[in-house]
């Protein structure tokens, strides 16, 4: 099995998806859309890469990072690892590498979300919903 096949056959890590999406937001060239390749969506990765010199991939990557963060482990596993909600929950409970969500990460996501609202990409209603979800994770 080649290293590339190994990478695509392993379960996808939500934190790694968030980190790669944020990196693509900050440094669009040469890694625009790398998180899409990692998550097994190569067509979207190619589209992001082809549009690297426009603001579209940076905005889309920021939205992706916030989305991966807000959606939670169970939904992420169902979408990218093909696990049902019961399997995802069991995998989540059995994972020994779980770390508590850090306030710094949430504050950065809130800043990014506010930036999207200011740019008109997220409505005030959507902003408020996502903001509440993020703040609920702190407690």
C-alpha atoms as a PDB file:
ATOM      1  CA  UNK A   1       0.000   0.000   0.000  1.00  0.00           C
ATOM      2  CA  UNK A   2       1.435   3.366  -1.020  1.00  0.00           C
ATOM      3  CA  UNK A   3       1.748   6.230   1.500  1.00  0.00           C
ATOM      4  CA  UNK A   4      -0.972   8.142  -0.371  1.00  0.00           C
ATOM      5  CA  UNK A   5      -3.388   5.219  -0.123  1.00  0.00           C
ATOM      6  CA  UNK A   6      -2.517   4.888   3.562  1.00  0.00           C
ATOM      7  CA  UNK A   7      -3.326   8.557   4.139  1.00  0.00           C
ATOM      8  CA  UNK A   8      -6.728   8.316   2.459  1.00  0.00           C
ATOM      9  CA  UNK A   9      -7.674   5.045   4.177  1.00  0.00           C
ATOM     10  CA  UNK A  10      -7.030   6.327   7.718  1.00  0.00           C
ATOM     11  CA  UNK A  11      -9.834   7.982   9.709  1.00  0.00           C
ATOM     12  CA  UNK A  12      -9.837  11.736   9.285  1.00  0.00           C
ATOM     13  CA  UNK A  13      -9.035  13.887  12.294  1.00  0.00           C
ATOM     14  CA  UNK A  14     -11.292  16.908  12.840  1.00  0.00           C
ATOM     15  CA  UNK A  15      -8.544  18.996  14.449  1.00  0.00           C
ATOM     16  CA  UNK A  16      -6.221  18.346  11.516  1.00  0.00           C
ATOM     17  CA  UNK A  17      -8.986  19.395   9.108  1.00  0.00           C
ATOM     18  CA  UNK A  18      -9.462  22.654  11.033  1.00  0.00           C
ATOM     19  CA  UNK A  19      -5.720  23.356  11.143  1.00  0.00           C
ATOM     20  CA  UNK A  20      -5.265  22.696   7.420  1.00  0.00           C
ATOM     21  CA  UNK A  21      -8.282  24.868   6.550  1.00  0.00           C
ATOM     22  CA  UNK A  22      -6.925  27.724   8.681  1.00  0.00           C
ATOM     23  CA  UNK A  23      -3.485  27.351   7.094  1.00  0.00           C
ATOM     24  CA  UNK A  24      -5.097  27.554   3.656  1.00  0.00           C
ATOM     25  CA  UNK A  25      -6.832  30.750   4.778  1.00  0.00           C
ATOM     26  CA  UNK A  26      -3.583  32.376   5.862  1.00  0.00           C
ATOM     27  CA  UNK A  27      -1.263  31.003   3.154  1.00  0.00           C
ATOM     28  CA  UNK A  28      -3.333  30.417  -0.004  1.00  0.00           C
ATOM     29  CA  UNK A  29      -0.384  29.553  -2.232  1.00  0.00           C
ATOM     30  CA  UNK A  30       0.758  26.683  -2.528  1.00  0.00           C
ATOM     31  CA  UNK A  31      -1.615  24.942  -0.107  1.00  0.00           C
ATOM     32  CA  UNK A  32      -5.018  26.277  -1.156  1.00  0.00           C
ATOM     33  CA  UNK A  33      -7.537  23.525  -0.502  1.00  0.00           C
ATOM     34  CA  UNK A  34      -5.121  21.062   1.093  1.00  0.00           C
ATOM     35  CA  UNK A  35      -7.736  20.280   3.740  1.00  0.00           C
ATOM     36  CA  UNK A  36     -10.086  19.116   0.981  1.00  0.00           C
ATOM     37  CA  UNK A  37      -7.476  16.644  -0.256  1.00  0.00           C
ATOM     38  CA  UNK A  38      -6.931  15.445   3.317  1.00  0.00           C
ATOM     39  CA  UNK A  39     -10.669  14.966   3.846  1.00  0.00           C
ATOM     40  CA  UNK A  40     -11.053  12.940   0.655  1.00  0.00           C
ATOM     41  CA  UNK A  41     -12.610  15.638  -1.537  1.00  0.00           C
ATOM     42  CA  UNK A  42      -9.970  16.014  -4.270  1.00  0.00           C
ATOM     43  CA  UNK A  43     -12.272  17.725  -6.781  1.00  0.00           C
ATOM     44  CA  UNK A  44     -12.885  20.572  -4.336  1.00  0.00           C
ATOM     45  CA  UNK A  45      -9.183  20.639  -3.540  1.00  0.00           C
ATOM     46  CA  UNK A  46      -8.363  21.142  -7.216  1.00  0.00           C
ATOM     47  CA  UNK A  47     -10.984  23.888  -7.522  1.00  0.00           C
ATOM     48  CA  UNK A  48      -9.559  25.710  -4.498  1.00  0.00           C
ATOM     49  CA  UNK A  49      -6.046  25.311  -5.876  1.00  0.00           C
ATOM     50  CA  UNK A  50      -6.994  26.636  -9.329  1.00  0.00           C
ATOM     51  CA  UNK A  51      -8.546  29.731  -7.744  1.00  0.00           C
ATOM     52  CA  UNK A  52      -5.617  30.368  -5.378  1.00  0.00           C
ATOM     53  CA  UNK A  53      -4.953  33.896  -6.675  1.00  0.00           C
ATOM     54  CA  UNK A  54      -8.526  35.048  -5.954  1.00  0.00           C
ATOM     55  CA  UNK A  55     -10.008  35.663  -2.499  1.00  0.00           C
ATOM     56  CA  UNK A  56     -12.523  32.827  -3.002  1.00  0.00           C
ATOM     57  CA  UNK A  57     -10.409  29.956  -1.563  1.00  0.00           C
ATOM     58  CA  UNK A  58      -9.353  31.990   1.471  1.00  0.00           C
ATOM     59  CA  UNK A  59     -12.957  32.850   2.302  1.00  0.00           C
ATOM     60  CA  UNK A  60     -14.137  29.302   1.615  1.00  0.00           C
ATOM     61  CA  UNK A  61     -11.326  27.852   3.757  1.00  0.00           C
ATOM     62  CA  UNK A  62     -12.245  30.158   6.638  1.00  0.00           C
ATOM     63  CA  UNK A  63     -15.879  29.070   6.369  1.00  0.00           C
ATOM     64  CA  UNK A  64     -14.785  25.414   6.225  1.00  0.00           C
ATOM     65  CA  UNK A  65     -12.620  25.818   9.351  1.00  0.00           C
ATOM     66  CA  UNK A  66     -15.477  27.392  11.304  1.00  0.00           C
ATOM     67  CA  UNK A  67     -17.879  24.744  10.022  1.00  0.00           C
ATOM     68  CA  UNK A  68     -15.612  21.845  11.028  1.00  0.00           C
ATOM     69  CA  UNK A  69     -15.150  23.410  14.444  1.00  0.00           C
ATOM     70  CA  UNK A  70     -18.837  24.081  15.056  1.00  0.00           C
ATOM     71  CA  UNK A  71     -20.258  20.845  13.697  1.00  0.00           C
ATOM     72  CA  UNK A  72     -18.731  18.667  16.397  1.00  0.00           C
ATOM     73  CA  UNK A  73     -16.953  15.334  16.408  1.00  0.00           C
ATOM     74  CA  UNK A  74     -20.010  13.173  15.766  1.00  0.00           C
ATOM     75  CA  UNK A  75     -21.150  15.045  12.658  1.00  0.00           C
ATOM     76  CA  UNK A  76     -17.584  15.294  11.365  1.00  0.00           C
ATOM     77  CA  UNK A  77     -17.079  11.535  11.705  1.00  0.00           C
ATOM     78  CA  UNK A  78     -20.402  10.830  10.032  1.00  0.00           C
ATOM     79  CA  UNK A  79     -19.507  13.095   7.099  1.00  0.00           C
ATOM     80  CA  UNK A  80     -15.819  12.313   6.548  1.00  0.00           C
ATOM     81  CA  UNK A  81     -15.255   8.912   8.150  1.00  0.00           C
ATOM     82  CA  UNK A  82     -18.543   7.279   7.161  1.00  0.00           C
ATOM     83  CA  UNK A  83     -19.463   6.380  10.736  1.00  0.00           C
ATOM     84  CA  UNK A  84     -23.056   6.231  11.912  1.00  0.00           C
ATOM     85  CA  UNK A  85     -23.934   8.342  14.942  1.00  0.00           C
ATOM     86  CA  UNK A  86     -23.624   5.303  17.256  1.00  0.00           C
ATOM     87  CA  UNK A  87     -20.245   4.317  15.810  1.00  0.00           C
ATOM     88  CA  UNK A  88     -19.031   7.915  15.924  1.00  0.00           C
ATOM     89  CA  UNK A  89     -20.130   8.262  19.536  1.00  0.00           C
ATOM     90  CA  UNK A  90     -18.423   4.985  20.485  1.00  0.00           C
ATOM     91  CA  UNK A  91     -15.259   6.059  18.654  1.00  0.00           C
ATOM     92  CA  UNK A  92     -15.399   9.429  20.395  1.00  0.00           C
ATOM     93  CA  UNK A  93     -15.780   7.838  23.839  1.00  0.00           C
ATOM     94  CA  UNK A  94     -13.011   5.296  23.240  1.00  0.00           C
ATOM     95  CA  UNK A  95     -10.498   7.814  21.941  1.00  0.00           C
ATOM     96  CA  UNK A  96      -7.608   8.231  24.369  1.00  0.00           C
ATOM     97  CA  UNK A  97      -6.319  11.385  22.661  1.00  0.00           C
ATOM     98  CA  UNK A  98      -9.247  13.623  23.564  1.00  0.00           C
ATOM     99  CA  UNK A  99      -8.351  17.046  24.854  1.00  0.00           C
ATOM    100  CA  UNK A 100     -10.697  19.657  26.246  1.00  0.00           C
ATOM    101  CA  UNK A 101     -11.621  22.406  23.828  1.00  0.00           C
ATOM    102  CA  UNK A 102      -9.438  25.370  24.589  1.00  0.00           C
ATOM    103  CA  UNK A 103     -10.817  28.848  25.036  1.00  0.00           C
ATOM    104  CA  UNK A 104      -8.160  30.258  22.700  1.00  0.00           C
ATOM    105  CA  UNK A 105      -9.384  28.134  19.818  1.00  0.00           C
ATOM    106  CA  UNK A 106     -12.975  29.184  20.465  1.00  0.00           C
ATOM    107  CA  UNK A 107     -12.033  32.858  20.670  1.00  0.00           C
ATOM    108  CA  UNK A 108     -10.170  32.576  17.354  1.00  0.00           C
ATOM    109  CA  UNK A 109     -13.202  30.905  15.772  1.00  0.00           C
ATOM    110  CA  UNK A 110     -15.410  33.703  17.115  1.00  0.00           C
ATOM    111  CA  UNK A 111     -13.103  36.330  15.606  1.00  0.00           C
ATOM    112  CA  UNK A 112     -13.156  34.525  12.269  1.00  0.00           C
ATOM    113  CA  UNK A 113     -16.934  34.215  12.412  1.00  0.00           C
ATOM    114  CA  UNK A 114     -17.270  37.929  13.198  1.00  0.00           C
ATOM    115  CA  UNK A 115     -15.021  38.734  10.246  1.00  0.00           C
ATOM    116  CA  UNK A 116     -17.283  36.664   7.985  1.00  0.00           C
ATOM    117  CA  UNK A 117     -20.305  38.566   9.327  1.00  0.00           C
ATOM    118  CA  UNK A 118     -18.624  41.904   8.703  1.00  0.00           C
ATOM    119  CA  UNK A 119     -17.805  40.831   5.135  1.00  0.00           C
ATOM    120  CA  UNK A 120     -21.483  39.978   4.614  1.00  0.00           C
ATOM    121  CA  UNK A 121     -20.861  36.261   4.102  1.00  0.00           C
ATOM    122  CA  UNK A 122     -22.832  35.264   7.209  1.00  0.00           C
ATOM    123  CA  UNK A 123     -26.130  36.847   8.256  1.00  0.00           C
ATOM    124  CA  UNK A 124     -26.596  38.285  11.746  1.00  0.00           C
ATOM    125  CA  UNK A 125     -28.954  35.418  12.561  1.00  0.00           C
ATOM    126  CA  UNK A 126     -26.433  32.767  11.440  1.00  0.00           C
ATOM    127  CA  UNK A 127     -23.677  34.587  13.309  1.00  0.00           C
ATOM    128  CA  UNK A 128     -25.693  34.579  16.527  1.00  0.00           C
ATOM    129  CA  UNK A 129     -26.529  30.871  16.206  1.00  0.00           C
ATOM    130  CA  UNK A 130     -22.910  29.860  15.606  1.00  0.00           C
ATOM    131  CA  UNK A 131     -21.685  32.232  18.330  1.00  0.00           C
ATOM    132  CA  UNK A 132     -23.991  30.597  20.866  1.00  0.00           C
ATOM    133  CA  UNK A 133     -22.878  27.120  19.800  1.00  0.00           C
ATOM    134  CA  UNK A 134     -19.243  28.104  20.237  1.00  0.00           C
ATOM    135  CA  UNK A 135     -19.836  29.703  23.641  1.00  0.00           C
ATOM    136  CA  UNK A 136     -21.801  26.645  24.823  1.00  0.00           C
ATOM    137  CA  UNK A 137     -18.674  24.550  24.244  1.00  0.00           C
ATOM    138  CA  UNK A 138     -16.743  26.522  26.851  1.00  0.00           C
ATOM    139  CA  UNK A 139     -18.935  25.483  29.768  1.00  0.00           C
END
